Amino acid sequence: MNKFIKIILKVLNVFLLSITFLVIAFTVFLTGYVKGYNNGQIVIQEEKVSSTTRPLATIVPSIKPTYISKTTSKPAYFSGPQLWEAVNKRRVEFGVNPLKQKDELCTIASIRLNQLLELGKLDGHEGFGKLPTDRADLKWIFDQYNVFEFLVSGATSPQNAVDLWENTLGHKKLLSGGEYSWGCIYAQSGFGVAIVAY
């Protein structure tokens, strides 16, 4: 009987050590993940917006969308809700309606931000233009609304992103365009994606 208890205690010790190891490993992983997510690695590509390209992002094939990028060495720590607030504040200052959030537009904004983060640079709206054909589950959104995309890269704050958009004619439409009724904005690591519609 004494031998049996010793075996059970050894098995229990090994089990408890295994559980302790797993808890420590998970804690280390989670800490690293959270720090990596919060700090984010900013990959910035400097792009020049030529005066010959059309400045308004759209899915209409005849219009070539443009985007803004700015090089910076400072890490960017702002979120989509912060950028949303800054955009709507500036829209009100321009005398137009603040955007109302539409969840289906948030789906598009989330997909696009993840694409850009994975790519590490802006894609010239290529991924946005492909969404209606690549994602059959999203096609209805493009059929029901006129959907537009505005991108920014290298912004150091929500206000800096708004300033970058405001200082180019086509992107200023995001801030001053009263025709846009709905929208959703996602941001991370200096990238910002604004999806708007009417």
Protein backbone atom coordinates (compact mmCIF):
# COMPACT_ATOMS: atom_id res chain seq x y z
CA MET A 1 0.00 0.00 0.00
CA ASN A 2 2.87 2.36 0.87
CA LYS A 3 4.42 1.73 -2.58
CA PHE A 4 1.12 2.52 -4.26
CA ILE A 5 0.84 5.88 -2.45
CA LYS A 6 4.43 6.76 -3.48
CA ILE A 7 3.62 6.04 -7.12
CA ILE A 8 0.47 8.17 -6.95
CA LEU A 9 2.43 11.00 -5.33
CA LYS A 10 5.10 10.81 -8.06
CA VAL A 11 2.45 10.89 -10.80
CA LEU A 12 0.73 13.79 -9.05
CA ASN A 13 4.06 15.67 -8.75
CA VAL A 14 4.80 15.18 -12.46
CA PHE A 15 1.29 16.34 -13.32
CA LEU A 16 1.56 19.45 -11.13
CA LEU A 17 5.00 20.26 -12.56
CA SER A 18 3.61 19.90 -16.08
CA ILE A 19 0.67 22.19 -15.29
CA THR A 20 3.03 24.74 -13.68
CA PHE A 21 5.29 24.67 -16.74
CA LEU A 22 2.32 25.16 -19.08
CA VAL A 23 1.02 28.10 -17.02
CA ILE A 24 4.46 29.75 -17.03
CA ALA A 25 4.92 29.13 -20.77
CA PHE A 26 1.46 30.53 -21.54
CA THR A 27 2.11 33.59 -19.35
CA VAL A 28 5.41 34.27 -21.14
CA PHE A 29 3.75 33.81 -24.53
CA LEU A 30 0.80 36.05 -23.64
CA THR A 31 3.09 38.76 -22.25
CA GLY A 32 5.19 38.71 -25.43
CA TYR A 33 2.10 38.73 -27.62
CA VAL A 34 0.52 41.68 -25.80
CA LYS A 35 3.76 43.67 -25.86
CA GLY A 36 4.28 42.88 -29.53
CA TYR A 37 0.71 43.81 -30.35
CA ASN A 38 0.89 47.07 -28.41
CA ASN A 39 4.30 48.10 -29.68
CA GLY A 40 3.75 46.90 -33.23
CA GLN A 41 6.48 47.13 -35.79
CA ILE A 42 5.92 50.09 -38.04
CA VAL A 43 6.78 49.44 -41.61
CA ILE A 44 6.52 52.59 -43.61
CA GLN A 45 6.88 53.13 -47.27
CA GLU A 46 7.19 56.63 -48.61
CA GLU A 47 4.92 57.10 -51.59
CA LYS A 48 4.48 60.18 -53.69
CA VAL A 49 1.01 61.07 -54.84
CA SER A 50 1.32 62.30 -58.38
CA SER A 51 -0.88 65.07 -59.65
CA THR A 52 -1.90 62.89 -62.58
CA THR A 53 -3.68 60.23 -60.53
CA ARG A 54 -7.22 60.65 -59.41
CA PRO A 55 -7.28 61.28 -55.68
CA LEU A 56 -10.54 59.66 -54.64
CA ALA A 57 -10.50 56.00 -53.65
CA THR A 58 -13.32 54.02 -55.19
CA ILE A 59 -14.12 50.63 -56.63
CA VAL A 60 -15.08 52.04 -60.01
CA PRO A 61 -12.45 50.59 -62.37
CA SER A 62 -12.05 53.79 -64.38
CA ILE A 63 -10.90 55.75 -61.32
CA LYS A 64 -7.41 55.05 -60.03
CA PRO A 65 -7.38 55.46 -56.22
CA THR A 66 -4.52 57.16 -54.44
CA TYR A 67 -3.27 57.13 -50.89
CA ILE A 68 -1.00 59.03 -48.56
CA SER A 69 2.11 57.86 -46.80
CA LYS A 70 4.60 59.70 -44.63
CA THR A 71 7.92 58.48 -43.32
CA THR A 72 8.45 58.74 -39.59
CA SER A 73 10.85 57.30 -37.08
CA LYS A 74 8.46 57.61 -34.12
CA PRO A 75 6.29 54.64 -33.20
CA ALA A 76 2.59 55.26 -33.73
CA TYR A 77 0.31 54.29 -30.89
CA PHE A 78 -3.25 55.13 -31.79
CA SER A 79 -6.31 53.06 -32.43
CA GLY A 80 -9.21 53.02 -34.82
CA PRO A 81 -11.63 54.52 -32.26
CA GLN A 82 -9.21 57.42 -31.67
CA LEU A 83 -8.89 58.05 -35.41
CA TRP A 84 -12.68 57.72 -35.82
CA GLU A 85 -13.17 60.43 -33.19
CA ALA A 86 -10.60 62.73 -34.84
CA VAL A 87 -12.17 62.28 -38.29
CA ASN A 88 -15.69 62.96 -37.05
CA LYS A 89 -14.51 65.99 -35.06
CA ARG A 90 -12.94 67.46 -38.19
CA ARG A 91 -16.02 66.66 -40.28
CA VAL A 92 -18.16 68.63 -37.81
CA GLU A 93 -15.65 71.50 -37.99
CA PHE A 94 -16.10 71.45 -41.78
CA GLY A 95 -19.86 71.72 -41.24
CA VAL A 96 -20.79 68.23 -42.44
CA ASN A 97 -22.43 65.34 -40.64
CA PRO A 98 -20.33 63.01 -38.51
CA LEU A 99 -20.15 59.49 -39.90
CA LYS A 100 -22.42 56.85 -38.41
CA GLN A 101 -20.88 53.43 -37.91
CA LYS A 102 -22.04 50.51 -40.06
CA ASP A 103 -20.83 47.09 -38.94
CA GLU A 104 -20.54 45.75 -42.48
CA LEU A 105 -18.12 48.58 -43.28
CA CYS A 106 -16.13 47.62 -40.17
CA THR A 107 -15.74 44.14 -41.64
CA ILE A 108 -14.15 45.66 -44.74
CA ALA A 109 -11.96 48.02 -42.67
CA SER A 110 -10.73 45.13 -40.52
CA ILE A 111 -9.89 42.96 -43.53
CA ARG A 112 -8.07 45.82 -45.24
CA LEU A 113 -6.04 46.79 -42.15
CA ASN A 114 -4.95 43.18 -41.69
CA GLN A 115 -3.94 42.98 -45.36
CA LEU A 116 -1.82 46.13 -45.05
CA LEU A 117 -0.21 45.03 -41.79
CA GLU A 118 0.66 41.67 -43.33
CA LEU A 119 2.02 43.37 -46.44
CA GLY A 120 3.89 45.98 -44.38
CA LYS A 121 3.03 48.79 -46.78
CA LEU A 122 0.17 50.40 -48.65
CA ASP A 123 -1.08 48.48 -51.68
CA GLY A 124 -2.55 51.25 -53.82
CA HIS A 125 -6.07 50.05 -52.91
CA GLU A 126 -5.46 46.82 -54.81
CA GLY A 127 -6.94 44.67 -52.04
CA PHE A 128 -9.95 46.96 -51.75
CA GLY A 129 -10.66 46.73 -55.47
CA LYS A 130 -10.55 42.92 -55.31
CA LEU A 131 -12.87 42.51 -52.32
CA PRO A 132 -16.17 42.46 -54.24
CA THR A 133 -14.93 39.64 -56.48
CA ASP A 134 -12.66 37.76 -54.05
CA ARG A 135 -15.17 37.74 -51.19
CA ALA A 136 -18.63 36.71 -52.35
CA ASP A 137 -19.90 37.15 -48.78
CA LEU A 138 -19.08 40.89 -49.00
CA LYS A 139 -20.37 41.58 -52.52
CA TRP A 140 -23.79 42.64 -51.25
CA ILE A 141 -22.21 45.57 -49.37
CA PHE A 142 -20.70 46.92 -52.59
CA ASP A 143 -24.02 46.33 -54.37
CA GLN A 144 -26.06 48.12 -51.71
CA TYR A 145 -23.78 51.11 -51.03
CA ASN A 146 -21.29 53.34 -52.84
CA VAL A 147 -18.19 52.32 -50.88
CA PHE A 148 -14.92 54.27 -50.73
CA GLU A 149 -11.57 53.63 -49.07
CA PHE A 150 -9.09 56.14 -47.66
CA LEU A 151 -5.65 54.94 -46.52
CA VAL A 152 -2.89 56.61 -44.56
CA SER A 153 0.52 55.33 -43.52
CA GLY A 154 3.20 56.66 -41.22
CA ALA A 155 0.91 58.81 -39.10
CA THR A 156 2.18 59.42 -35.59
CA SER A 157 -1.19 60.29 -34.03
CA PRO A 158 -4.87 60.46 -34.96
CA GLN A 159 -4.53 64.21 -35.57
CA ASN A 160 -1.47 63.64 -37.76
CA ALA A 161 -3.46 61.13 -39.86
CA VAL A 162 -6.32 63.64 -40.21
CA ASP A 163 -3.80 66.34 -41.21
CA LEU A 164 -2.30 64.06 -43.86
CA TRP A 165 -5.74 63.36 -45.30
CA GLU A 166 -6.73 67.01 -45.14
CA ASN A 167 -3.65 68.20 -47.01
CA THR A 168 -4.47 66.33 -50.21
CA LEU A 169 -7.43 67.26 -52.35
CA GLY A 170 -8.93 63.80 -52.83
CA HIS A 171 -8.48 62.67 -49.26
CA LYS A 172 -9.88 65.91 -47.88
CA LYS A 173 -13.21 64.58 -49.19
CA LEU A 174 -13.19 62.11 -46.28
CA LEU A 175 -13.34 65.10 -43.93
CA SER A 176 -15.48 67.53 -45.92
CA GLY A 177 -17.69 65.23 -48.01
CA GLY A 178 -21.22 65.58 -46.75
CA GLU A 179 -22.44 62.81 -49.05
CA TYR A 180 -20.79 60.18 -46.86
CA SER A 181 -23.28 58.99 -44.25
CA TRP A 182 -21.71 55.83 -42.85
CA GLY A 183 -18.24 54.62 -42.14
CA CYS A 184 -15.82 52.65 -40.04
CA ILE A 185 -12.16 53.26 -39.28
CA TYR A 186 -9.46 50.84 -38.17
CA ALA A 187 -5.88 51.80 -37.31
CA GLN A 188 -2.72 50.19 -36.00
CA SER A 189 1.03 50.76 -36.22
CA GLY A 190 0.69 54.03 -38.14
CA PHE A 191 -1.64 52.56 -40.76
CA GLY A 192 -5.19 53.87 -41.00
CA VAL A 193 -8.09 52.52 -43.06
CA ALA A 194 -11.28 54.54 -43.41
CA ILE A 195 -14.17 52.87 -45.20
CA VAL A 196 -17.07 55.22 -45.95
CA ALA A 197 -20.28 54.90 -47.90
CA TYR A 198 -23.52 56.52 -48.92
